[in-house]
């Protein structure tokens, strides 16, 4: 039983290390989405149309990053990889 726990721990550690950059980007994006959506960016300056577009579509960024993270986690360990880990 102890060997199984070590193998599972090694797999989880490998997955977390391999997905760390994507997890960090998703973490930042998930906290940036509510900030950007609630800010009054039109008064900052620049192209007002861009800021309106960004505020309206920033939720899609969080959605797609979460989908990429889930797909990456599934692709990280296919079912037959349990034999060689």
Protein backbone atom coordinates (compact mmCIF):
# COMPACT_ATOMS: atom_id res chain seq x y z
CA UNK A 1 0.00 0.00 0.00
CA UNK A 2 2.88 2.35 0.78
CA UNK A 3 4.28 1.97 -2.75
CA UNK A 4 0.91 2.93 -4.24
CA UNK A 5 0.79 6.12 -2.19
CA UNK A 6 4.32 7.00 -3.29
CA UNK A 7 3.43 6.40 -6.94
CA UNK A 8 0.30 8.53 -6.72
CA UNK A 9 2.22 11.29 -4.94
CA UNK A 10 4.92 11.21 -7.63
CA UNK A 11 2.31 11.46 -10.39
CA UNK A 12 0.58 14.41 -8.74
CA UNK A 13 3.91 16.16 -8.11
CA UNK A 14 4.96 15.64 -11.75
CA UNK A 15 1.63 17.01 -12.98
CA UNK A 16 1.82 20.09 -10.77
CA UNK A 17 5.38 20.84 -11.85
CA UNK A 18 4.52 20.32 -15.53
CA UNK A 19 1.41 22.48 -15.37
CA UNK A 20 2.84 25.18 -13.07
CA UNK A 21 3.21 27.88 -15.78
CA UNK A 22 -0.34 27.35 -17.02
CA UNK A 23 -1.67 27.28 -13.45
CA UNK A 24 0.10 30.58 -12.73
CA UNK A 25 -1.31 32.24 -15.86
CA UNK A 26 -4.81 30.97 -15.08
CA UNK A 27 -4.49 32.13 -11.46
CA UNK A 28 -3.55 35.65 -12.56
CA UNK A 29 -6.28 35.74 -15.21
CA UNK A 30 -9.00 34.57 -12.83
CA UNK A 31 -8.15 37.41 -10.44
CA UNK A 32 -7.68 39.95 -13.24
CA UNK A 33 -11.06 39.25 -14.89
CA UNK A 34 -13.22 40.78 -12.11
CA UNK A 35 -10.79 43.68 -11.73
CA UNK A 36 -10.81 44.57 -15.42
CA UNK A 37 -14.56 44.08 -15.71
CA UNK A 38 -15.30 46.42 -12.79
CA UNK A 39 -12.84 49.21 -13.63
CA UNK A 40 -13.91 52.41 -15.36
CA UNK A 41 -11.37 52.03 -18.15
CA UNK A 42 -13.03 54.42 -20.61
CA UNK A 43 -11.75 57.42 -18.66
CA UNK A 44 -8.13 56.22 -18.66
CA UNK A 45 -7.58 57.32 -22.21
CA UNK A 46 -6.64 55.74 -25.46
CA UNK A 47 -9.14 54.04 -27.69
CA UNK A 48 -12.44 53.84 -25.80
CA UNK A 49 -13.68 51.16 -28.18
CA UNK A 50 -10.80 48.90 -27.20
CA UNK A 51 -11.54 49.24 -23.49
CA UNK A 52 -15.23 48.48 -24.05
CA UNK A 53 -14.29 45.45 -26.16
CA UNK A 54 -11.84 44.28 -23.47
CA UNK A 55 -14.39 44.64 -20.67
CA UNK A 56 -17.06 42.80 -22.64
CA UNK A 57 -14.84 39.91 -23.67
CA UNK A 58 -12.51 39.44 -20.68
CA UNK A 59 -14.75 36.69 -19.30
CA UNK A 60 -14.00 34.59 -22.38
CA UNK A 61 -10.30 34.72 -21.51
CA UNK A 62 -10.96 33.10 -18.14
CA UNK A 63 -13.22 30.52 -19.75
CA UNK A 64 -10.69 29.52 -22.40
CA UNK A 65 -7.81 29.42 -19.92
CA UNK A 66 -9.81 27.11 -17.66
CA UNK A 67 -10.63 24.87 -20.63
CA UNK A 68 -6.96 24.72 -21.66
CA UNK A 69 -5.99 23.88 -18.08
CA UNK A 70 -8.51 21.03 -17.91
CA UNK A 71 -7.49 19.65 -21.30
CA UNK A 72 -3.81 19.91 -20.37
CA UNK A 73 -4.40 17.99 -17.17
CA UNK A 74 -6.16 15.23 -19.10
CA UNK A 75 -3.42 15.09 -21.72
CA UNK A 76 -0.70 15.04 -19.08
CA UNK A 77 -1.49 11.49 -17.92
CA UNK A 78 -3.16 9.13 -20.37
CA UNK A 79 -4.60 5.95 -18.88
CA UNK A 80 -1.69 3.73 -19.96
CA UNK A 81 0.92 5.99 -18.32
CA UNK A 82 0.24 4.40 -14.95
CA UNK A 83 2.41 1.48 -16.04
CA UNK A 84 5.59 3.49 -16.56
CA UNK A 85 5.38 6.17 -13.83
